[in-house]
PDB file of all heavy atoms in Angstrom:
ATOM      1  N   LEU A   1       0.880  -1.193  -0.040  1.00  0.00           N
ATOM      2  CA  LEU A   1      -0.056  -0.001  -0.004  1.00  0.00           C
ATOM      3  C   LEU A   1       0.849   1.259   0.032  1.00  0.00           C
ATOM      4  O   LEU A   1       2.013   1.220   0.492  1.00  0.00           O
ATOM      5  CB  LEU A   1      -0.933   0.028   1.207  1.00  0.00           C
ATOM      6  CG  LEU A   1      -1.816  -1.237   1.500  1.00  0.00           C
ATOM      7  CD1 LEU A   1      -2.708  -0.957   2.703  1.00  0.00           C
ATOM      8  CD2 LEU A   1      -2.618  -1.583   0.256  1.00  0.00           C
ATOM      9  N   SER A   2       0.372   2.329  -0.601  1.00  0.00           N
ATOM     10  CA  SER A   2       1.076   3.562  -0.630  1.00  0.00           C
ATOM     11  C   SER A   2       0.169   4.650  -0.081  1.00  0.00           C
ATOM     12  O   SER A   2      -1.050   4.626  -0.191  1.00  0.00           O
ATOM     13  CB  SER A   2       1.447   3.962  -2.089  1.00  0.00           C
ATOM     14  OG  SER A   2       2.347   3.039  -2.631  1.00  0.00           O
ATOM     15  N   CYS A   3       0.828   5.675   0.604  1.00  0.00           N
ATOM     16  CA  CYS A   3       0.080   6.837   1.156  1.00  0.00           C
ATOM     17  C   CYS A   3       0.918   8.073   0.707  1.00  0.00           C
ATOM     18  O   CYS A   3       2.022   8.229   1.196  1.00  0.00           O
ATOM     19  CB  CYS A   3      -0.039   6.798   2.608  1.00  0.00           C
ATOM     20  SG  CYS A   3      -0.698   8.281   3.402  1.00  0.00           S
ATOM     21  N   ALA A   4       0.356   8.866  -0.202  1.00  0.00           N
ATOM     22  CA  ALA A   4       0.992  10.036  -0.680  1.00  0.00           C
ATOM     23  C   ALA A   4       0.531  11.288   0.101  1.00  0.00           C
ATOM     24  O   ALA A   4      -0.686  11.451   0.287  1.00  0.00           O
ATOM     25  CB  ALA A   4       0.780  10.272  -2.153  1.00  0.00           C
ATOM     26  N   ALA A   5       1.411  12.045   0.717  1.00  0.00           N
ATOM     27  CA  ALA A   5       1.072  13.157   1.497  1.00  0.00           C
ATOM     28  C   ALA A   5       1.483  14.477   0.820  1.00  0.00           C
ATOM     29  O   ALA A   5       2.476  14.587   0.150  1.00  0.00           O
ATOM     30  CB  ALA A   5       1.846  13.118   2.843  1.00  0.00           C
ATOM     31  N   SER A   6       0.658  15.483   0.998  1.00  0.00           N
ATOM     32  CA  SER A   6       0.958  16.824   0.544  1.00  0.00           C
ATOM     33  C   SER A   6       0.483  17.858   1.530  1.00  0.00           C
ATOM     34  O   SER A   6      -0.392  17.590   2.328  1.00  0.00           O
ATOM     35  CB  SER A   6       0.274  17.053  -0.861  1.00  0.00           C
ATOM     36  OG  SER A   6      -1.102  16.910  -0.758  1.00  0.00           O
ATOM     37  N   GLY A   7       1.017  19.061   1.406  1.00  0.00           N
ATOM     38  CA  GLY A   7       0.612  20.156   2.288  1.00  0.00           C
ATOM     39  C   GLY A   7       1.591  20.255   3.447  1.00  0.00           C
ATOM     40  O   GLY A   7       2.586  19.549   3.590  1.00  0.00           O
ATOM     41  N   SER A   8       1.349  21.250   4.340  1.00  0.00           N
ATOM     42  CA  SER A   8       2.201  21.580   5.519  1.00  0.00           C
ATOM     43  C   SER A   8       1.835  20.702   6.692  1.00  0.00           C
ATOM     44  O   SER A   8       0.725  20.721   7.173  1.00  0.00           O
ATOM     45  CB  SER A   8       2.089  23.051   5.864  1.00  0.00           C
ATOM     46  OG  SER A   8       2.915  23.367   6.970  1.00  0.00           O
ATOM     47  N   VAL A   9       2.789  19.945   7.173  1.00  0.00           N
ATOM     48  CA  VAL A   9       2.543  19.036   8.300  1.00  0.00           C
ATOM     49  C   VAL A   9       2.733  19.701   9.639  1.00  0.00           C
ATOM     50  O   VAL A   9       2.373  19.149  10.665  1.00  0.00           O
ATOM     51  CB  VAL A   9       3.461  17.786   8.174  1.00  0.00           C
ATOM     52  CG1 VAL A   9       3.233  17.058   6.915  1.00  0.00           C
ATOM     53  CG2 VAL A   9       4.897  18.141   8.322  1.00  0.00           C
ATOM     54  N   GLY A  10       3.365  20.921   9.729  1.00  0.00           N
ATOM     55  CA  GLY A  10       3.515  21.551  10.994  1.00  0.00           C
ATOM     56  C   GLY A  10       4.367  20.775  11.931  1.00  0.00           C
ATOM     57  O   GLY A  10       5.448  20.345  11.573  1.00  0.00           O
ATOM     58  N   SER A  11       3.881  20.643  13.159  1.00  0.00           N
ATOM     59  CA  SER A  11       4.612  19.896  14.165  1.00  0.00           C
ATOM     60  C   SER A  11       4.379  18.415  14.192  1.00  0.00           C
ATOM     61  O   SER A  11       4.928  17.684  15.016  1.00  0.00           O
ATOM     62  CB  SER A  11       4.294  20.485  15.540  1.00  0.00           C
ATOM     63  OG  SER A  11       2.908  20.275  15.847  1.00  0.00           O
ATOM     64  N   LEU A  12       3.617  17.882  13.305  1.00  0.00           N
ATOM     65  CA  LEU A  12       3.322  16.475  13.213  1.00  0.00           C
ATOM     66  C   LEU A  12       4.548  15.669  12.756  1.00  0.00           C
ATOM     67  O   LEU A  12       5.187  16.020  11.794  1.00  0.00           O
ATOM     68  CB  LEU A  12       2.195  16.181  12.175  1.00  0.00           C
ATOM     69  CG  LEU A  12       0.830  16.951  12.419  1.00  0.00           C
ATOM     70  CD1 LEU A  12      -0.177  16.670  11.386  1.00  0.00           C
ATOM     71  CD2 LEU A  12       0.329  16.612  13.819  1.00  0.00           C
ATOM     72  N   ASN A  13       4.919  14.708  13.551  1.00  0.00           N
ATOM     73  CA  ASN A  13       6.237  14.034  13.416  1.00  0.00           C
ATOM     74  C   ASN A  13       6.105  12.557  13.000  1.00  0.00           C
ATOM     75  O   ASN A  13       7.151  11.920  13.027  1.00  0.00           O
ATOM     76  CB  ASN A  13       7.023  14.166  14.736  1.00  0.00           C
ATOM     77  CG  ASN A  13       6.510  13.309  15.822  1.00  0.00           C
ATOM     78  OD1 ASN A  13       5.319  12.940  15.801  1.00  0.00           O
ATOM     79  ND2 ASN A  13       7.300  13.085  16.824  1.00  0.00           N
ATOM     80  N   ALA A  14       4.909  12.053  12.730  1.00  0.00           N
ATOM     81  CA  ALA A  14       4.799  10.665  12.452  1.00  0.00           C
ATOM     82  C   ALA A  14       3.629  10.397  11.459  1.00  0.00           C
ATOM     83  O   ALA A  14       2.679  11.161  11.387  1.00  0.00           O
ATOM     84  CB  ALA A  14       4.626   9.835  13.675  1.00  0.00           C
ATOM     85  N   MET A  15       3.722   9.265  10.795  1.00  0.00           N
ATOM     86  CA  MET A  15       2.655   8.807   9.962  1.00  0.00           C
ATOM     87  C   MET A  15       2.250   7.442  10.358  1.00  0.00           C
ATOM     88  O   MET A  15       3.125   6.682  10.872  1.00  0.00           O
ATOM     89  CB  MET A  15       3.016   8.841   8.479  1.00  0.00           C
ATOM     90  CG  MET A  15       3.312  10.243   7.925  1.00  0.00           C
ATOM     91  SD  MET A  15       3.811  10.214   6.134  1.00  0.00           S
ATOM     92  CE  MET A  15       2.207   9.932   5.428  1.00  0.00           C
ATOM     93  N   ALA A  16       1.008   7.024  10.145  1.00  0.00           N
ATOM     94  CA  ALA A  16       0.565   5.731  10.636  1.00  0.00           C
ATOM     95  C   ALA A  16      -0.433   5.124   9.704  1.00  0.00           C
ATOM     96  O   ALA A  16      -1.179   5.798   8.924  1.00  0.00           O
ATOM     97  CB  ALA A  16      -0.168   5.941  12.031  1.00  0.00           C
ATOM     98  N   TRP A  17      -0.492   3.808   9.780  1.00  0.00           N
ATOM     99  CA  TRP A  17      -1.587   3.000   9.058  1.00  0.00           C
ATOM    100  C   TRP A  17      -2.544   2.504  10.060  1.00  0.00           C
ATOM    101  O   TRP A  17      -2.160   1.897  11.086  1.00  0.00           O
ATOM    102  CB  TRP A  17      -0.928   1.801   8.282  1.00  0.00           C
ATOM    103  CG  TRP A  17      -0.182   2.185   7.074  1.00  0.00           C
ATOM    104  CD1 TRP A  17       1.174   2.323   6.966  1.00  0.00           C
ATOM    105  CD2 TRP A  17      -0.708   2.519   5.803  1.00  0.00           C
ATOM    106  NE1 TRP A  17       1.522   2.642   5.706  1.00  0.00           N
ATOM    107  CE2 TRP A  17       0.333   2.812   4.936  1.00  0.00           C
ATOM    108  CE3 TRP A  17      -2.054   2.583   5.258  1.00  0.00           C
ATOM    109  CZ2 TRP A  17       0.205   3.176   3.570  1.00  0.00           C
ATOM    110  CZ3 TRP A  17      -2.199   2.916   3.969  1.00  0.00           C
ATOM    111  CH2 TRP A  17      -1.127   3.214   3.123  1.00  0.00           C
ATOM    112  N   TYR A  18      -3.825   2.680   9.747  1.00  0.00           N
ATOM    113  CA  TYR A  18      -4.909   2.065  10.532  1.00  0.00           C
ATOM    114  C   TYR A  18      -5.686   1.170   9.626  1.00  0.00           C
ATOM    115  O   TYR A  18      -5.571   1.210   8.373  1.00  0.00           O
ATOM    116  CB  TYR A  18      -5.859   3.164  11.066  1.00  0.00           C
ATOM    117  CG  TYR A  18      -5.415   3.945  12.228  1.00  0.00           C
ATOM    118  CD1 TYR A  18      -4.426   4.944  12.133  1.00  0.00           C
ATOM    119  CD2 TYR A  18      -5.951   3.717  13.494  1.00  0.00           C
ATOM    120  CE1 TYR A  18      -3.992   5.680  13.211  1.00  0.00           C
ATOM    121  CE2 TYR A  18      -5.548   4.465  14.610  1.00  0.00           C
ATOM    122  CZ  TYR A  18      -4.564   5.418  14.429  1.00  0.00           C
ATOM    123  OH  TYR A  18      -4.180   6.171  15.531  1.00  0.00           O
ATOM    124  N   ARG A  19      -6.504   0.271  10.170  1.00  0.00           N
ATOM    125  CA  ARG A  19      -7.438  -0.505   9.426  1.00  0.00           C
ATOM    126  C   ARG A  19      -8.685  -0.709  10.149  1.00  0.00           C
ATOM    127  O   ARG A  19      -8.784  -0.612  11.416  1.00  0.00           O
ATOM    128  CB  ARG A  19      -6.795  -1.835   9.032  1.00  0.00           C
ATOM    129  CG  ARG A  19      -6.630  -2.806  10.274  1.00  0.00           C
ATOM    130  CD  ARG A  19      -5.819  -4.064   9.759  1.00  0.00           C
ATOM    131  NE  ARG A  19      -5.583  -4.967  10.844  1.00  0.00           N
ATOM    132  CZ  ARG A  19      -4.877  -6.081  10.768  1.00  0.00           C
ATOM    133  NH1 ARG A  19      -4.300  -6.386   9.631  1.00  0.00           N
ATOM    134  NH2 ARG A  19      -4.707  -6.839  11.846  1.00  0.00           N
ATOM    135  N   GLN A  20      -9.744  -0.918   9.396  1.00  0.00           N
ATOM    136  CA  GLN A  20     -11.113  -1.140   9.972  1.00  0.00           C
ATOM    137  C   GLN A  20     -11.821  -2.229   9.188  1.00  0.00           C
ATOM    138  O   GLN A  20     -12.096  -2.098   8.031  1.00  0.00           O
ATOM    139  CB  GLN A  20     -11.927   0.180   9.946  1.00  0.00           C
ATOM    140  CG  GLN A  20     -13.228  -0.006  10.706  1.00  0.00           C
ATOM    141  CD  GLN A  20     -13.887   1.391  10.913  1.00  0.00           C
ATOM    142  OE1 GLN A  20     -13.606   2.320  10.205  1.00  0.00           O
ATOM    143  NE2 GLN A  20     -14.718   1.484  11.960  1.00  0.00           N
ATOM    144  N   ALA A  21     -12.098  -3.382   9.930  1.00  0.00           N
ATOM    145  CA  ALA A  21     -12.854  -4.495   9.394  1.00  0.00           C
ATOM    146  C   ALA A  21     -14.340  -4.233   9.579  1.00  0.00           C
ATOM    147  O   ALA A  21     -14.738  -3.479  10.456  1.00  0.00           O
ATOM    148  CB  ALA A  21     -12.367  -5.757   9.991  1.00  0.00           C
ATOM    149  N   PRO A  22     -15.154  -4.895   8.769  1.00  0.00           N
ATOM    150  CA  PRO A  22     -16.574  -4.730   8.950  1.00  0.00           C
ATOM    151  C   PRO A  22     -17.070  -5.016  10.357  1.00  0.00           C
ATOM    152  O   PRO A  22     -16.759  -6.092  10.934  1.00  0.00           O
ATOM    153  CB  PRO A  22     -17.166  -5.787   7.950  1.00  0.00           C
ATOM    154  CG  PRO A  22     -16.096  -5.867   6.948  1.00  0.00           C
ATOM    155  CD  PRO A  22     -14.851  -5.743   7.686  1.00  0.00           C
ATOM    156  N   GLY A  23     -17.849  -4.156  10.999  1.00  0.00           N
ATOM    157  CA  GLY A  23     -18.400  -4.358  12.338  1.00  0.00           C
ATOM    158  C   GLY A  23     -17.344  -4.192  13.434  1.00  0.00           C
ATOM    159  O   GLY A  23     -17.693  -4.404  14.559  1.00  0.00           O
ATOM    160  N   LYS A  24     -16.149  -3.748  13.098  1.00  0.00           N
ATOM    161  CA  LYS A  24     -15.084  -3.598  14.074  1.00  0.00           C
ATOM    162  C   LYS A  24     -14.673  -2.119  14.235  1.00  0.00           C
ATOM    163  O   LYS A  24     -14.870  -1.285  13.323  1.00  0.00           O
ATOM    164  CB  LYS A  24     -13.858  -4.430  13.709  1.00  0.00           C
ATOM    165  CG  LYS A  24     -14.148  -5.968  13.641  1.00  0.00           C
ATOM    166  CD  LYS A  24     -14.425  -6.550  14.981  1.00  0.00           C
ATOM    167  CE  LYS A  24     -14.596  -8.026  14.880  1.00  0.00           C
ATOM    168  NZ  LYS A  24     -13.267  -8.685  14.547  1.00  0.00           N
ATOM    169  N   GLN A  25     -13.971  -1.866  15.364  1.00  0.00           N
ATOM    170  CA  GLN A  25     -13.411  -0.543  15.582  1.00  0.00           C
ATOM    171  C   GLN A  25     -12.166  -0.326  14.703  1.00  0.00           C
ATOM    172  O   GLN A  25     -11.460  -1.326  14.394  1.00  0.00           O
ATOM    173  CB  GLN A  25     -13.036  -0.362  17.079  1.00  0.00           C
ATOM    174  CG  GLN A  25     -14.171  -0.358  18.019  1.00  0.00           C
ATOM    175  CD  GLN A  25     -14.665   1.073  18.273  1.00  0.00           C
ATOM    176  OE1 GLN A  25     -15.227   1.660  17.308  1.00  0.00           O
ATOM    177  NE2 GLN A  25     -14.503   1.549  19.430  1.00  0.00           N
ATOM    178  N   ARG A  26     -11.888   0.874  14.375  1.00  0.00           N
ATOM    179  CA  ARG A  26     -10.666   1.142  13.693  1.00  0.00           C
ATOM    180  C   ARG A  26      -9.485   0.919  14.573  1.00  0.00           C
ATOM    181  O   ARG A  26      -9.416   1.394  15.713  1.00  0.00           O
ATOM    182  CB  ARG A  26     -10.638   2.576  13.091  1.00  0.00           C
ATOM    183  CG  ARG A  26      -9.484   2.917  12.218  1.00  0.00           C
ATOM    184  CD  ARG A  26      -9.635   4.295  11.593  1.00  0.00           C
ATOM    185  NE  ARG A  26     -10.850   4.327  10.733  1.00  0.00           N
ATOM    186  CZ  ARG A  26     -11.120   5.386   9.983  1.00  0.00           C
ATOM    187  NH1 ARG A  26     -10.372   6.450   9.951  1.00  0.00           N
ATOM    188  NH2 ARG A  26     -12.301   5.408   9.250  1.00  0.00           N
ATOM    189  N   GLU A  27      -8.458   0.228  14.134  1.00  0.00           N
ATOM    190  CA  GLU A  27      -7.275  -0.134  14.920  1.00  0.00           C
ATOM    191  C   GLU A  27      -5.984   0.361  14.331  1.00  0.00           C
ATOM    192  O   GLU A  27      -5.900   0.422  13.072  1.00  0.00           O
ATOM    193  CB  GLU A  27      -7.199  -1.613  15.250  1.00  0.00           C
ATOM    194  CG  GLU A  27      -6.905  -2.453  13.990  1.00  0.00           C
ATOM    195  CD  GLU A  27      -6.499  -3.910  14.360  1.00  0.00           C
ATOM    196  OE1 GLU A  27      -6.208  -4.167  15.515  1.00  0.00           O
ATOM    197  OE2 GLU A  27      -6.584  -4.702  13.454  1.00  0.00           O
ATOM    198  N   LEU A  28      -5.061   0.715  15.135  1.00  0.00           N
ATOM    199  CA  LEU A  28      -3.693   1.138  14.697  1.00  0.00           C
ATOM    200  C   LEU A  28      -2.965  -0.094  14.289  1.00  0.00           C
ATOM    201  O   LEU A  28      -2.758  -1.049  15.018  1.00  0.00           O
ATOM    202  CB  LEU A  28      -2.998   1.857  15.767  1.00  0.00           C
ATOM    203  CG  LEU A  28      -1.570   2.353  15.467  1.00  0.00           C
ATOM    204  CD1 LEU A  28      -1.504   3.290  14.330  1.00  0.00           C
ATOM    205  CD2 LEU A  28      -0.907   2.945  16.729  1.00  0.00           C
ATOM    206  N   VAL A  29      -2.417  -0.117  13.024  1.00  0.00           N
ATOM    207  CA  VAL A  29      -1.598  -1.191  12.498  1.00  0.00           C
ATOM    208  C   VAL A  29      -0.175  -0.975  12.813  1.00  0.00           C
ATOM    209  O   VAL A  29       0.567  -1.800  13.237  1.00  0.00           O
ATOM    210  CB  VAL A  29      -1.775  -1.400  11.011  1.00  0.00           C
ATOM    211  CG1 VAL A  29      -0.904  -2.438  10.425  1.00  0.00           C
ATOM    212  CG2 VAL A  29      -3.276  -1.705  10.679  1.00  0.00           C
ATOM    213  N   GLY A  30       0.335   0.207  12.542  1.00  0.00           N
ATOM    214  CA  GLY A  30       1.699   0.562  12.733  1.00  0.00           C
ATOM    215  C   GLY A  30       2.005   2.024  12.390  1.00  0.00           C
ATOM    216  O   GLY A  30       1.149   2.670  11.871  1.00  0.00           O
ATOM    217  N   LEU A  31       3.176   2.488  12.743  1.00  0.00           N
ATOM    218  CA  LEU A  31       3.463   3.860  12.469  1.00  0.00           C
ATOM    219  C   LEU A  31       5.009   4.018  12.189  1.00  0.00           C
ATOM    220  O   LEU A  31       5.792   3.123  12.516  1.00  0.00           O
ATOM    221  CB  LEU A  31       3.104   4.776  13.678  1.00  0.00           C
ATOM    222  CG  LEU A  31       3.793   4.456  15.042  1.00  0.00           C
ATOM    223  CD1 LEU A  31       5.017   5.358  15.247  1.00  0.00           C
ATOM    224  CD2 LEU A  31       2.813   4.586  16.183  1.00  0.00           C
ATOM    225  N   ILE A  32       5.354   5.178  11.653  1.00  0.00           N
ATOM    226  CA  ILE A  32       6.761   5.446  11.336  1.00  0.00           C
ATOM    227  C   ILE A  32       7.034   6.879  11.839  1.00  0.00           C
ATOM    228  O   ILE A  32       6.247   7.777  11.469  1.00  0.00           O
ATOM    229  CB  ILE A  32       7.172   5.141   9.928  1.00  0.00           C
ATOM    230  CG1 ILE A  32       8.707   5.320   9.781  1.00  0.00           C
ATOM    231  CG2 ILE A  32       6.457   6.055   8.956  1.00  0.00           C
ATOM    232  CD1 ILE A  32       9.234   4.714   8.500  1.00  0.00           C
ATOM    233  N   ILE A  33       8.047   7.078  12.614  1.00  0.00           N
ATOM    234  CA  ILE A  33       8.454   8.384  13.111  1.00  0.00           C
ATOM    235  C   ILE A  33       9.385   9.042  12.097  1.00  0.00           C
ATOM    236  O   ILE A  33      10.244   8.413  11.549  1.00  0.00           O
ATOM    237  CB  ILE A  33       9.128   8.254  14.497  1.00  0.00           C
ATOM    238  CG1 ILE A  33       8.176   7.563  15.439  1.00  0.00           C
ATOM    239  CG2 ILE A  33       9.523   9.666  15.053  1.00  0.00           C
ATOM    240  CD1 ILE A  33       8.850   7.190  16.799  1.00  0.00           C
ATOM    241  N   SER A  34       9.219  10.378  11.936  1.00  0.00           N
ATOM    242  CA  SER A  34      10.131  11.118  11.116  1.00  0.00           C
ATOM    243  C   SER A  34      11.518  10.948  11.581  1.00  0.00           C
ATOM    244  O   SER A  34      11.844  11.277  12.760  1.00  0.00           O
ATOM    245  CB  SER A  34       9.714  12.604  11.135  1.00  0.00           C
ATOM    246  OG  SER A  34       8.478  12.780  10.547  1.00  0.00           O
ATOM    247  N   GLY A  35      12.425  10.442  10.748  1.00  0.00           N
ATOM    248  CA  GLY A  35      13.809  10.188  11.145  1.00  0.00           C
ATOM    249  C   GLY A  35      14.031   9.002  11.976  1.00  0.00           C
ATOM    250  O   GLY A  35      15.098   8.734  12.451  1.00  0.00           O
ATOM    251  N   GLY A  36      12.980   8.111  12.119  1.00  0.00           N
ATOM    252  CA  GLY A  36      13.085   6.970  12.959  1.00  0.00           C
ATOM    253  C   GLY A  36      12.598   5.744  12.248  1.00  0.00           C
ATOM    254  O   GLY A  36      12.553   5.629  11.061  1.00  0.00           O
ATOM    255  N   SER A  37      12.329   4.631  13.031  1.00  0.00           N
ATOM    256  CA  SER A  37      11.913   3.409  12.543  1.00  0.00           C
ATOM    257  C   SER A  37      10.390   3.052  12.750  1.00  0.00           C
ATOM    258  O   SER A  37       9.696   3.849  13.325  1.00  0.00           O
ATOM    259  CB  SER A  37      12.753   2.284  13.243  1.00  0.00           C
ATOM    260  OG  SER A  37      12.589   2.316  14.587  1.00  0.00           O
TER     261      SER A  37
END
């Protein structure tokens, strides 16, 4: 999967993937920190 970002991110320092299955709550799958792992 790809996520293309545009615009000014300001102080936001990370990006994340979430997923939501039918009838379920949205859950955090993973994240990546700017300059990190």
